[in-house]
């Protein structure tokens, strides 16, 4: 039976510190990528968690020494999860039992400390084999909340839940959410244990007594997955083989079929479609489709409405193909905007990024798309022959900006002077109101006393929900929503669709950029 051996582990680490650092598959103290609490100590090893974190990098992910160290990280260093494939004596991996030296009956010299974590494949009856020893070893009373109905840990603890994971955070694993449930109050329990989407999370995680819904299969007729290692967009890194298992637990048939439809690339032999014949920026992401330039040529195989010919016509400049010129630019005459790095207040983007997305439009779409922007990007970004519309006045009559370098609250770093200048380029009433909201902090009557009373500032709330394209059968959407100064800024390129084809709504660049059908079941 496998159990933690502190002395052996310490000796292995000491020896390995003299070895060459592992170059690939480096071990991490926290198995889920979270940060250990460096201020803590491991009582069994007598070393700080900071030292253990350093030593972990010497080990190779998946090796026995790494796995044992990751359990120590969970027990002693506040890591949020422990490695998959282990059963725990106490619910949630609780390890602070009164006396780890208490013997375990019907075993050969094993103690309670030895069976706190046991490899599942060593237990004939699975994790429940440990349940009879919980009271003897001093495990706490049953928690008020548990992820699995019987209080056990999920058997597929290392699987991650895409609907709880976000791109910028460590993946949320089944064991991680189960551990959180054991520490939850009764009021918090449903928030942790009930999936916010149409998926049986407990079944997917392998809780005992659960079964798949099997409402559909990833490939038609249950055919074999052809491209098991392809990583699918908008799934937080899930491969086709992982999605094949996940889809069995989707509990809504319409959602299940939608996921399968968006994952055609898993089931069909794919002929690569490069954006261009030469080199290009393979990793550059087209946010509305969550596809990189190395993937965008096969957009149709990923369930996106764009053919190889569409991509090779529209994307060479966007993807940095050598010598490619855009069909559409903010300057509208093939000229690139001079002020490419100029920031656009409140919209969290630059002239270059706006021009990149404009470049995907063909000439016949170009002028209408640029005209739909909520500010005059052509003049703002320095294009020759364009003048600002001067339709939005920043300060009220009789007031002026007295301190141009001041930075108002909630302006994302834009100074009063920058906001005053940007107002001259604003076209829409909505964006003008958003800019003018900062006038109360920036504008003063130059004749008023300098000790004027402080005025409470209103909260500035910018819209966050993107509208759908106008018209029942519309497949085109503006670069910037005319109803919102920020949301929906970069949208999926409008590809004409045949009658009855799926219409894709505006996709916000600032959001997770997940198509609505995937969002309904992935929760990304």
Protein backbone atom coordinates (compact mmCIF):
# COMPACT_ATOMS: atom_id res chain seq x y z
CA UNK A 1 0.00 0.00 0.00
CA UNK A 2 1.32 3.43 -0.98
CA UNK A 3 1.53 6.08 1.68
CA UNK A 4 3.59 9.20 2.30
CA UNK A 5 7.12 8.41 3.44
CA UNK A 6 8.54 11.71 4.75
CA UNK A 7 12.07 10.47 5.32
CA UNK A 8 12.31 8.79 1.90
CA UNK A 9 10.77 11.83 0.24
CA UNK A 10 13.20 14.16 2.01
CA UNK A 11 16.15 11.98 1.03
CA UNK A 12 15.01 11.89 -2.61
CA UNK A 13 14.67 15.65 -2.69
CA UNK A 14 18.10 16.11 -1.17
CA UNK A 15 19.66 13.86 -3.81
CA UNK A 16 17.74 15.46 -6.64
CA UNK A 17 18.91 18.96 -5.69
CA UNK A 18 22.29 17.82 -6.95
CA UNK A 19 20.82 16.65 -10.26
CA UNK A 20 20.01 18.50 -13.46
CA UNK A 21 16.72 20.35 -13.34
CA UNK A 22 13.91 18.68 -15.28
CA UNK A 23 13.42 20.50 -18.57
CA UNK A 24 9.96 19.18 -19.47
CA UNK A 25 6.91 18.29 -17.39
CA UNK A 26 8.18 20.13 -14.33
CA UNK A 27 6.46 19.23 -11.07
CA UNK A 28 4.51 21.88 -9.15
CA UNK A 29 3.91 21.73 -5.41
CA UNK A 30 0.22 22.55 -5.96
CA UNK A 31 -1.21 20.09 -8.49
CA UNK A 32 -3.83 22.56 -9.76
CA UNK A 33 -1.34 25.36 -10.36
CA UNK A 34 -2.49 27.45 -7.39
CA UNK A 35 0.05 29.18 -5.17
CA UNK A 36 1.09 27.48 -1.91
CA UNK A 37 1.24 29.53 1.28
CA UNK A 38 5.00 30.14 1.47
CA UNK A 39 4.81 31.15 5.14
CA UNK A 40 3.73 27.69 6.31
CA UNK A 41 5.87 24.71 7.36
CA UNK A 42 5.53 20.98 6.81
CA UNK A 43 5.68 19.44 10.28
CA UNK A 44 6.48 15.96 8.94
CA UNK A 45 9.36 17.12 6.73
CA UNK A 46 10.53 20.02 8.88
CA UNK A 47 10.86 22.28 5.83
CA UNK A 48 9.10 25.46 4.82
CA UNK A 49 6.56 25.42 2.03
CA UNK A 50 8.77 27.93 0.22
CA UNK A 51 11.61 25.36 0.16
CA UNK A 52 9.25 22.58 -0.89
CA UNK A 53 7.95 24.74 -3.73
CA UNK A 54 11.53 25.24 -4.93
CA UNK A 55 12.30 21.54 -4.67
CA UNK A 56 9.16 20.64 -6.61
CA UNK A 57 10.63 22.20 -9.73
CA UNK A 58 13.43 19.63 -9.62
CA UNK A 59 10.97 16.73 -9.87
CA UNK A 60 9.12 15.57 -12.96
CA UNK A 61 5.33 15.80 -13.15
CA UNK A 62 3.74 12.36 -12.75
CA UNK A 63 6.65 10.74 -10.91
CA UNK A 64 5.91 9.12 -7.56
CA UNK A 65 8.08 11.64 -5.70
CA UNK A 66 6.19 14.54 -7.30
CA UNK A 67 2.82 13.03 -6.39
CA UNK A 68 3.88 12.50 -2.77
CA UNK A 69 5.16 16.06 -2.56
CA UNK A 70 1.87 17.38 -3.98
CA UNK A 71 -0.02 15.59 -1.22
CA UNK A 72 2.25 17.30 1.31
CA UNK A 73 1.47 20.58 -0.47
CA UNK A 74 -2.25 19.93 0.03
CA UNK A 75 -1.86 18.84 3.65
CA UNK A 76 0.58 21.45 4.89
CA UNK A 77 0.93 24.31 2.37
CA UNK A 78 -2.69 25.33 1.67
CA UNK A 79 -2.76 23.99 -1.92
CA UNK A 80 -6.38 23.79 -3.05
CA UNK A 81 -6.31 20.26 -4.53
CA UNK A 82 -4.46 16.98 -4.23
CA UNK A 83 -3.50 14.61 -7.07
CA UNK A 84 -6.18 12.53 -8.72
CA UNK A 85 -6.36 8.77 -8.22
CA UNK A 86 -6.18 8.94 -4.43
CA UNK A 87 -8.77 8.12 -1.79
CA UNK A 88 -8.81 10.06 1.46
CA UNK A 89 -9.50 8.72 4.91
CA UNK A 90 -11.31 11.87 6.04
CA UNK A 91 -13.77 13.85 3.88
CA UNK A 92 -12.09 16.53 1.83
CA UNK A 93 -8.62 15.22 2.58
CA UNK A 94 -8.71 16.50 6.18
CA UNK A 95 -5.36 15.50 7.69
CA UNK A 96 -5.18 17.09 11.15
CA UNK A 97 -6.32 13.98 13.04
CA UNK A 98 -5.54 13.74 16.78
CA UNK A 99 -3.00 10.90 16.61
CA UNK A 100 -1.54 9.65 13.35
CA UNK A 101 0.19 6.75 15.12
CA UNK A 102 -3.06 4.96 16.00
CA UNK A 103 -2.95 1.46 14.47
CA UNK A 104 -5.43 0.39 11.82
CA UNK A 105 -7.04 -2.99 12.64
CA UNK A 106 -6.94 -5.84 10.10
CA UNK A 107 -3.88 -4.38 8.39
CA UNK A 108 -0.17 -5.12 8.58
CA UNK A 109 1.36 -2.45 10.83
CA UNK A 110 -0.47 0.45 9.18
CA UNK A 111 -1.33 3.57 11.15
CA UNK A 112 -3.99 6.21 10.64
CA UNK A 113 -1.30 8.50 9.27
CA UNK A 114 -0.42 5.87 6.65
CA UNK A 115 -3.96 5.75 5.22
CA UNK A 116 -4.79 9.46 5.11
CA UNK A 117 -4.17 9.23 1.35
CA UNK A 118 -4.20 5.88 -0.45
CA UNK A 119 -3.97 5.13 -4.15
CA UNK A 120 -7.43 4.08 -5.26
CA UNK A 121 -6.19 1.17 -7.37
CA UNK A 122 -4.86 -0.47 -4.19
CA UNK A 123 -8.33 -0.65 -2.61
CA UNK A 124 -10.49 -3.55 -3.74
CA UNK A 125 -13.75 -1.82 -2.89
CA UNK A 126 -12.69 1.67 -3.87
CA UNK A 127 -12.57 4.68 -1.57
CA UNK A 128 -15.33 3.38 0.67
CA UNK A 129 -12.87 0.79 2.00
CA UNK A 130 -11.48 3.57 4.21
CA UNK A 131 -14.84 4.63 5.68
CA UNK A 132 -14.84 2.10 8.59
CA UNK A 133 -11.66 3.64 10.00
CA UNK A 134 -12.80 7.26 10.10
CA UNK A 135 -14.15 7.22 13.65
CA UNK A 136 -11.16 5.27 15.00
CA UNK A 137 -8.70 7.70 13.44
CA UNK A 138 -10.56 10.79 14.64
CA UNK A 139 -11.91 12.22 11.41
CA UNK A 140 -14.29 15.12 12.06
CA UNK A 141 -18.03 14.53 11.98
CA UNK A 142 -19.67 14.49 8.58
CA UNK A 143 -19.59 17.89 6.93
CA UNK A 144 -22.84 19.78 6.34
CA UNK A 145 -22.01 19.83 2.63
CA UNK A 146 -20.43 17.33 0.27
CA UNK A 147 -20.04 17.31 -3.50
CA UNK A 148 -20.82 13.60 -3.85
CA UNK A 149 -24.13 12.60 -2.25
CA UNK A 150 -22.57 9.80 -0.17
CA UNK A 151 -19.89 12.05 1.29
CA UNK A 152 -17.05 10.39 -0.61
CA UNK A 153 -14.52 12.10 -2.85
CA UNK A 154 -14.98 12.01 -6.66
CA UNK A 155 -13.25 9.06 -8.32
CA UNK A 156 -12.16 11.30 -11.22
CA UNK A 157 -10.65 14.00 -9.05
CA UNK A 158 -8.12 15.22 -11.62
CA UNK A 159 -10.74 16.11 -14.24
CA UNK A 160 -11.33 19.83 -14.55
CA UNK A 161 -14.71 21.52 -14.80
CA UNK A 162 -14.71 23.93 -17.76
CA UNK A 163 -17.80 25.78 -16.58
CA UNK A 164 -16.02 26.79 -13.34
CA UNK A 165 -12.63 27.54 -14.91
CA UNK A 166 -11.48 30.84 -16.39
CA UNK A 167 -8.57 31.56 -18.75
CA UNK A 168 -6.48 33.51 -16.25
CA UNK A 169 -6.88 31.24 -13.22
CA UNK A 170 -5.77 27.68 -12.39
CA UNK A 171 -8.23 25.06 -13.63
CA UNK A 172 -10.91 24.02 -11.14
CA UNK A 173 -10.65 20.26 -10.68
CA UNK A 174 -13.23 17.81 -9.38
CA UNK A 175 -11.18 17.18 -6.24
CA UNK A 176 -10.79 20.92 -5.76
CA UNK A 177 -14.51 21.64 -5.87
CA UNK A 178 -15.21 18.61 -3.64
CA UNK A 179 -12.72 19.89 -1.07
CA UNK A 180 -14.40 23.30 -1.17
CA UNK A 181 -17.76 21.66 -0.55
CA UNK A 182 -16.56 19.95 2.65
CA UNK A 183 -15.59 23.36 4.03
CA UNK A 184 -18.81 25.12 2.95
CA UNK A 185 -21.69 26.23 5.11
CA UNK A 186 -25.22 25.02 4.45
CA UNK A 187 -26.04 28.33 2.73
CA UNK A 188 -23.02 28.01 0.44
CA UNK A 189 -23.53 24.36 -0.42
CA UNK A 190 -25.78 24.72 -3.49
CA UNK A 191 -23.47 27.33 -5.00
CA UNK A 192 -20.66 24.76 -4.97
CA UNK A 193 -22.44 21.50 -5.67
CA UNK A 194 -25.07 22.51 -8.25
CA UNK A 195 -23.64 23.11 -11.72
CA UNK A 196 -24.64 26.51 -13.18
CA UNK A 197 -25.08 24.87 -16.59
CA UNK A 198 -26.85 21.81 -18.01
CA UNK A 199 -24.18 19.30 -16.97
CA UNK A 200 -24.18 16.56 -14.36
CA UNK A 201 -20.93 17.63 -12.71
CA UNK A 202 -21.07 14.89 -10.06
CA UNK A 203 -21.40 12.24 -12.76
CA UNK A 204 -18.54 13.67 -14.80
CA UNK A 205 -16.38 13.74 -11.67
CA UNK A 206 -17.12 10.10 -10.90
CA UNK A 207 -19.23 10.35 -7.77
CA UNK A 208 -20.51 6.90 -6.85
CA UNK A 209 -24.10 6.15 -7.83
CA UNK A 210 -24.14 8.60 -10.75
CA UNK A 211 -24.57 7.78 -14.41
CA UNK A 212 -24.12 9.61 -17.73
CA UNK A 213 -27.12 11.12 -19.51
CA UNK A 214 -25.80 10.01 -22.93
CA UNK A 215 -28.24 12.27 -24.78
CA UNK A 216 -25.92 12.46 -27.77
CA UNK A 217 -22.41 11.56 -28.88
CA UNK A 218 -19.62 13.86 -29.93
CA UNK A 219 -19.34 12.27 -33.36
CA UNK A 220 -22.44 11.26 -35.39
CA UNK A 221 -23.66 7.78 -34.61
CA UNK A 222 -21.00 7.34 -31.96
CA UNK A 223 -18.24 7.26 -34.56
CA UNK A 224 -14.65 7.28 -33.40
CA UNK A 225 -12.98 10.60 -32.63
CA UNK A 226 -10.45 11.19 -35.42
CA UNK A 227 -8.48 14.03 -33.82
CA UNK A 228 -8.38 13.21 -30.08
CA UNK A 229 -5.59 15.67 -29.19
CA UNK A 230 -7.03 18.75 -30.93
CA UNK A 231 -7.69 21.48 -28.35
CA UNK A 232 -11.09 23.06 -28.80
CA UNK A 233 -11.65 26.82 -28.43
CA UNK A 234 -13.85 28.18 -25.64
CA UNK A 235 -13.40 25.05 -23.49
CA UNK A 236 -10.46 26.22 -21.33
CA UNK A 237 -8.11 23.82 -23.10
CA UNK A 238 -10.24 20.69 -23.35
CA UNK A 239 -9.18 18.21 -26.06
CA UNK A 240 -11.54 16.28 -28.31
CA UNK A 241 -11.01 13.10 -26.28
CA UNK A 242 -11.84 14.94 -23.05
CA UNK A 243 -14.91 16.55 -24.61
CA UNK A 244 -16.06 13.13 -25.83
CA UNK A 245 -16.33 12.06 -22.18
CA UNK A 246 -17.72 15.38 -20.95
CA UNK A 247 -20.58 15.45 -23.48
CA UNK A 248 -21.98 12.20 -22.05
CA UNK A 249 -22.94 14.12 -18.91
CA UNK A 250 -24.71 17.07 -20.60
CA UNK A 251 -28.31 17.00 -19.36
CA UNK A 252 -30.03 19.01 -22.11
CA UNK A 253 -30.36 17.40 -25.54
CA UNK A 254 -30.38 20.66 -27.49
CA UNK A 255 -27.22 21.81 -25.74
CA UNK A 256 -25.62 18.42 -26.27
CA UNK A 257 -26.27 18.54 -30.02
CA UNK A 258 -25.02 22.14 -30.17
CA UNK A 259 -21.68 21.16 -28.60
CA UNK A 260 -21.33 18.27 -31.02
CA UNK A 261 -22.11 20.57 -33.94
CA UNK A 262 -19.45 23.03 -32.82
CA UNK A 263 -16.87 20.24 -32.53
CA UNK A 264 -16.87 18.80 -36.05
CA UNK A 265 -13.09 18.99 -36.19
CA UNK A 266 -12.95 16.14 -33.65
CA UNK A 267 -14.70 13.75 -35.99
CA UNK A 268 -13.45 14.50 -39.50
CA UNK A 269 -10.12 14.23 -41.23
CA UNK A 270 -9.01 17.81 -41.71
CA UNK A 271 -7.02 19.26 -44.56
CA UNK A 272 -4.97 22.16 -43.16
CA UNK A 273 -5.75 25.58 -44.57
CA UNK A 274 -2.89 28.01 -43.83
CA UNK A 275 -3.70 31.71 -43.90
CA UNK A 276 -0.84 32.23 -46.36
CA UNK A 277 2.02 30.26 -47.88
CA UNK A 278 4.79 32.05 -45.98
CA UNK A 279 5.39 32.68 -42.30
CA UNK A 280 2.77 34.41 -40.15
CA UNK A 281 1.87 35.08 -36.50
CA UNK A 282 0.56 31.59 -35.72
CA UNK A 283 -0.40 32.35 -32.10
CA UNK A 284 -2.23 35.63 -32.71
CA UNK A 285 -5.80 35.15 -31.55
CA UNK A 286 -8.95 36.17 -33.37
CA UNK A 287 -10.98 36.73 -30.21
CA UNK A 288 -14.54 36.48 -31.59
CA UNK A 289 -13.94 32.88 -32.67
CA UNK A 290 -11.32 32.04 -29.99
CA UNK A 291 -9.13 30.71 -32.80
CA UNK A 292 -5.47 31.49 -33.41
CA UNK A 293 -4.11 32.32 -36.83
CA UNK A 294 -2.81 28.74 -37.03
CA UNK A 295 -6.40 27.48 -36.55
CA UNK A 296 -8.50 30.13 -38.28
CA UNK A 297 -8.08 28.58 -41.74
CA UNK A 298 -10.07 25.60 -40.49
CA UNK A 299 -12.72 27.78 -38.86
CA UNK A 300 -15.50 25.83 -40.56
CA UNK A 301 -14.21 22.60 -39.01
CA UNK A 302 -14.47 24.31 -35.61
CA UNK A 303 -18.12 25.12 -36.35
CA UNK A 304 -17.49 28.76 -37.31
CA UNK A 305 -19.17 30.19 -40.45
CA UNK A 306 -16.05 30.88 -42.51
CA UNK A 307 -14.52 28.89 -45.37
CA UNK A 308 -10.85 28.47 -46.19
CA UNK A 309 -11.24 30.89 -49.11
CA UNK A 310 -12.85 33.47 -46.80
CA UNK A 311 -9.90 33.23 -44.41
CA UNK A 312 -7.24 33.43 -47.11
CA UNK A 313 -8.97 36.53 -48.51
CA UNK A 314 -9.56 38.36 -45.25
CA UNK A 315 -6.86 37.37 -42.75
CA UNK A 316 -3.36 37.66 -44.30
CA UNK A 317 -2.76 41.18 -42.94
CA UNK A 318 -4.36 40.42 -39.57
CA UNK A 319 -2.13 37.36 -39.16
CA UNK A 320 1.04 39.15 -40.26
CA UNK A 321 1.69 37.40 -43.58
CA UNK A 322 4.75 38.95 -45.19
CA UNK A 323 3.92 41.76 -47.60
CA UNK A 324 0.15 41.47 -47.08
CA UNK A 325 -1.82 44.72 -47.30
CA UNK A 326 -5.26 45.16 -45.78
CA UNK A 327 -8.29 45.60 -48.01
CA UNK A 328 -9.76 47.91 -45.38
CA UNK A 329 -8.02 50.35 -43.04
CA UNK A 330 -9.24 53.10 -40.77
CA UNK A 331 -7.85 55.54 -43.33
CA UNK A 332 -9.98 53.79 -46.00
CA UNK A 333 -7.49 54.32 -48.83
CA UNK A 334 -5.06 51.51 -48.07
CA UNK A 335 -3.05 53.84 -45.83
CA UNK A 336 -2.27 52.57 -42.34
CA UNK A 337 -3.20 54.92 -39.49
CA UNK A 338 -0.11 56.88 -38.37
CA UNK A 339 -0.91 56.78 -34.64
CA UNK A 340 -1.09 52.99 -34.28
CA UNK A 341 -0.16 52.86 -30.58
CA UNK A 342 -2.54 55.61 -29.52
CA UNK A 343 -4.77 54.41 -26.69
CA UNK A 344 -8.53 54.83 -26.92
CA UNK A 345 -9.96 56.02 -23.59
CA UNK A 346 -12.61 53.88 -21.91
CA UNK A 347 -12.44 51.21 -24.64
CA UNK A 348 -9.28 49.45 -23.44
CA UNK A 349 -7.76 49.16 -26.89
CA UNK A 350 -5.49 50.97 -29.35
CA UNK A 351 -5.67 52.29 -32.88
CA UNK A 352 -3.64 49.31 -34.08
CA UNK A 353 -6.08 46.79 -32.62
CA UNK A 354 -9.05 48.58 -34.14
CA UNK A 355 -7.31 48.73 -37.51
CA UNK A 356 -6.43 45.02 -37.29
CA UNK A 357 -10.09 44.13 -36.98
CA UNK A 358 -11.08 46.62 -39.67
CA UNK A 359 -8.57 44.92 -41.98
CA UNK A 360 -10.70 41.76 -42.02
CA UNK A 361 -13.52 43.63 -43.77
CA UNK A 362 -13.58 43.63 -47.55
CA UNK A 363 -13.68 46.89 -49.48
CA UNK A 364 -17.44 46.87 -49.99
CA UNK A 365 -17.95 46.51 -46.22
CA UNK A 366 -15.19 48.89 -45.18
CA UNK A 367 -16.76 52.37 -45.10
CA UNK A 368 -20.05 51.24 -43.53
CA UNK A 369 -18.26 49.32 -40.77
CA UNK A 370 -15.94 52.21 -39.91
CA UNK A 371 -18.86 54.65 -40.00
CA UNK A 372 -20.64 52.49 -37.42
CA UNK A 373 -17.94 53.11 -34.81
CA UNK A 374 -19.04 55.17 -31.82
CA UNK A 375 -16.11 57.54 -32.35
CA UNK A 376 -14.32 58.83 -35.47
CA UNK A 377 -11.41 56.41 -35.52
CA UNK A 378 -10.08 57.73 -38.83
CA UNK A 379 -9.39 61.24 -37.54
CA UNK A 380 -8.52 60.11 -34.00
CA UNK A 381 -5.84 57.73 -35.26
CA UNK A 382 -4.26 60.39 -37.47
CA UNK A 383 -5.50 59.54 -40.98
CA UNK A 384 -4.93 62.33 -43.52
CA UNK A 385 -8.01 64.23 -44.68
CA UNK A 386 -10.26 63.38 -41.73
CA UNK A 387 -11.42 65.93 -39.15
CA UNK A 388 -12.99 65.25 -35.75
CA UNK A 389 -16.80 65.65 -35.71
CA UNK A 390 -16.71 68.01 -32.67
CA UNK A 391 -20.18 66.85 -31.59
CA UNK A 392 -19.43 66.13 -27.92
CA UNK A 393 -18.41 68.93 -25.54
CA UNK A 394 -16.51 67.66 -22.50
CA UNK A 395 -16.94 70.51 -19.98
CA UNK A 396 -20.23 72.32 -19.26
CA UNK A 397 -20.54 75.95 -20.40
CA UNK A 398 -18.41 78.27 -18.33
CA UNK A 399 -16.06 75.53 -17.15
CA UNK A 400 -12.73 74.22 -18.39
CA UNK A 401 -10.17 71.54 -17.55
CA UNK A 402 -7.95 73.14 -14.94
CA UNK A 403 -5.64 70.18 -14.31
CA UNK A 404 -5.12 68.18 -17.54
CA UNK A 405 -2.81 65.65 -15.85
CA UNK A 406 -5.36 64.65 -13.18
CA UNK A 407 -6.65 61.07 -13.48
CA UNK A 408 -10.32 60.65 -12.59
CA UNK A 409 -11.58 57.63 -10.67
CA UNK A 410 -12.75 54.76 -12.93
CA UNK A 411 -11.13 56.28 -16.05
CA UNK A 412 -8.72 53.35 -16.48
CA UNK A 413 -5.75 55.73 -16.32
CA UNK A 414 -6.99 58.32 -18.82
CA UNK A 415 -6.15 61.88 -17.76
CA UNK A 416 -8.59 64.77 -17.83
CA UNK A 417 -6.70 66.27 -20.76
CA UNK A 418 -6.88 63.00 -22.71
CA UNK A 419 -10.62 62.67 -22.07
CA UNK A 420 -11.23 66.26 -23.15
CA UNK A 421 -9.36 65.63 -26.40
CA UNK A 422 -11.16 62.31 -27.03
CA UNK A 423 -14.59 63.94 -26.61
CA UNK A 424 -14.00 65.86 -29.87
CA UNK A 425 -13.94 62.56 -31.77
CA UNK A 426 -17.04 60.98 -30.19
CA UNK A 427 -19.99 60.38 -32.52
CA UNK A 428 -22.73 58.79 -30.40
CA UNK A 429 -24.75 60.19 -27.52
CA UNK A 430 -24.12 57.08 -25.45
CA UNK A 431 -20.33 57.30 -25.59
CA UNK A 432 -20.50 61.09 -25.16
CA UNK A 433 -22.44 60.64 -21.91
CA UNK A 434 -19.87 58.12 -20.68
CA UNK A 435 -17.02 60.58 -21.36
CA UNK A 436 -18.88 63.55 -19.88
CA UNK A 437 -19.44 61.63 -16.65
CA UNK A 438 -15.81 62.43 -15.79
CA UNK A 439 -16.32 66.18 -16.25
CA UNK A 440 -17.38 66.58 -12.62
CA UNK A 441 -13.83 65.60 -11.59
CA UNK A 442 -12.02 67.45 -14.37
CA UNK A 443 -13.88 70.68 -15.13
CA UNK A 444 -14.00 73.82 -12.98
CA UNK A 445 -15.12 77.41 -13.31
CA UNK A 446 -11.77 79.23 -13.63
CA UNK A 447 -13.21 82.23 -11.75
CA UNK A 448 -14.48 80.15 -8.79
CA UNK A 449 -12.51 80.04 -5.48
CA UNK A 450 -9.96 77.26 -5.33
CA UNK A 451 -11.47 75.95 -2.09
CA UNK A 452 -14.72 74.93 -3.73
CA UNK A 453 -16.61 72.25 -1.80
CA UNK A 454 -16.06 68.66 -2.83
CA UNK A 455 -18.92 67.18 -4.82
CA UNK A 456 -19.83 63.51 -4.44
CA UNK A 457 -18.94 61.68 -7.64
CA UNK A 458 -21.55 59.61 -9.45
CA UNK A 459 -20.67 56.03 -10.27
CA UNK A 460 -19.89 55.61 -13.95
CA UNK A 461 -21.32 52.38 -15.28
CA UNK A 462 -20.50 51.50 -18.85
CA UNK A 463 -22.75 49.00 -20.64
CA UNK A 464 -21.39 45.46 -20.77
CA UNK A 465 -23.99 43.54 -22.79
CA UNK A 466 -23.54 43.41 -26.55
CA UNK A 467 -26.67 43.72 -28.70
CA UNK A 468 -27.47 41.15 -31.34
CA UNK A 469 -27.13 42.18 -35.00
CA UNK A 470 -30.04 44.24 -36.24
CA UNK A 471 -32.65 42.55 -38.38
CA UNK A 472 -34.10 39.10 -38.00
CA UNK A 473 -31.87 37.55 -40.63
CA UNK A 474 -28.83 39.76 -40.20
CA UNK A 475 -25.41 38.12 -40.19
CA UNK A 476 -23.45 41.35 -39.93
CA UNK A 477 -22.54 43.29 -36.81
CA UNK A 478 -20.80 46.66 -36.36
CA UNK A 479 -17.22 46.90 -35.14
CA UNK A 480 -18.46 48.97 -32.22
CA UNK A 481 -21.98 48.80 -30.93
CA UNK A 482 -23.84 52.04 -31.58
CA UNK A 483 -25.73 51.42 -28.34
CA UNK A 484 -22.69 50.75 -26.17
CA UNK A 485 -19.34 52.54 -26.05
CA UNK A 486 -17.42 49.47 -24.96
CA UNK A 487 -19.25 46.20 -25.42
CA UNK A 488 -19.07 44.26 -28.64
CA UNK A 489 -16.13 46.32 -29.84
CA UNK A 490 -14.62 43.58 -31.94
CA UNK A 491 -17.10 41.24 -33.52
CA UNK A 492 -17.13 38.20 -35.70
CA UNK A 493 -16.48 39.11 -39.32
CA UNK A 494 -19.82 39.22 -41.19
CA UNK A 495 -19.90 36.30 -43.63
CA UNK A 496 -23.06 36.14 -45.79
CA UNK A 497 -25.06 33.05 -44.86
CA UNK A 498 -27.54 31.02 -46.93
CA UNK A 499 -31.18 31.13 -45.93
CA UNK A 500 -31.78 29.15 -42.76
CA UNK A 501 -28.12 29.13 -41.69
CA UNK A 502 -27.16 29.72 -38.09
CA UNK A 503 -26.76 33.40 -37.24
CA UNK A 504 -23.96 34.27 -34.81
CA UNK A 505 -24.58 37.13 -32.44
CA UNK A 506 -22.19 39.94 -31.63
CA UNK A 507 -19.32 38.60 -29.54
CA UNK A 508 -17.64 40.93 -27.06
CA UNK A 509 -13.83 41.06 -27.14
CA UNK A 510 -13.71 41.83 -23.45
CA UNK A 511 -15.82 38.80 -22.56
CA UNK A 512 -14.80 35.17 -22.78
CA UNK A 513 -15.76 35.15 -26.48
CA UNK A 514 -17.69 31.90 -26.20
CA UNK A 515 -20.41 31.19 -28.72
CA UNK A 516 -23.79 31.15 -27.05
CA UNK A 517 -24.37 27.47 -27.66
CA UNK A 518 -21.12 26.49 -25.97
CA UNK A 519 -21.60 29.02 -23.20
CA UNK A 520 -24.92 27.41 -22.33
CA UNK A 521 -23.26 24.16 -21.42
CA UNK A 522 -19.60 24.95 -20.83
CA UNK A 523 -20.23 28.02 -18.72
CA UNK A 524 -16.88 29.43 -19.90
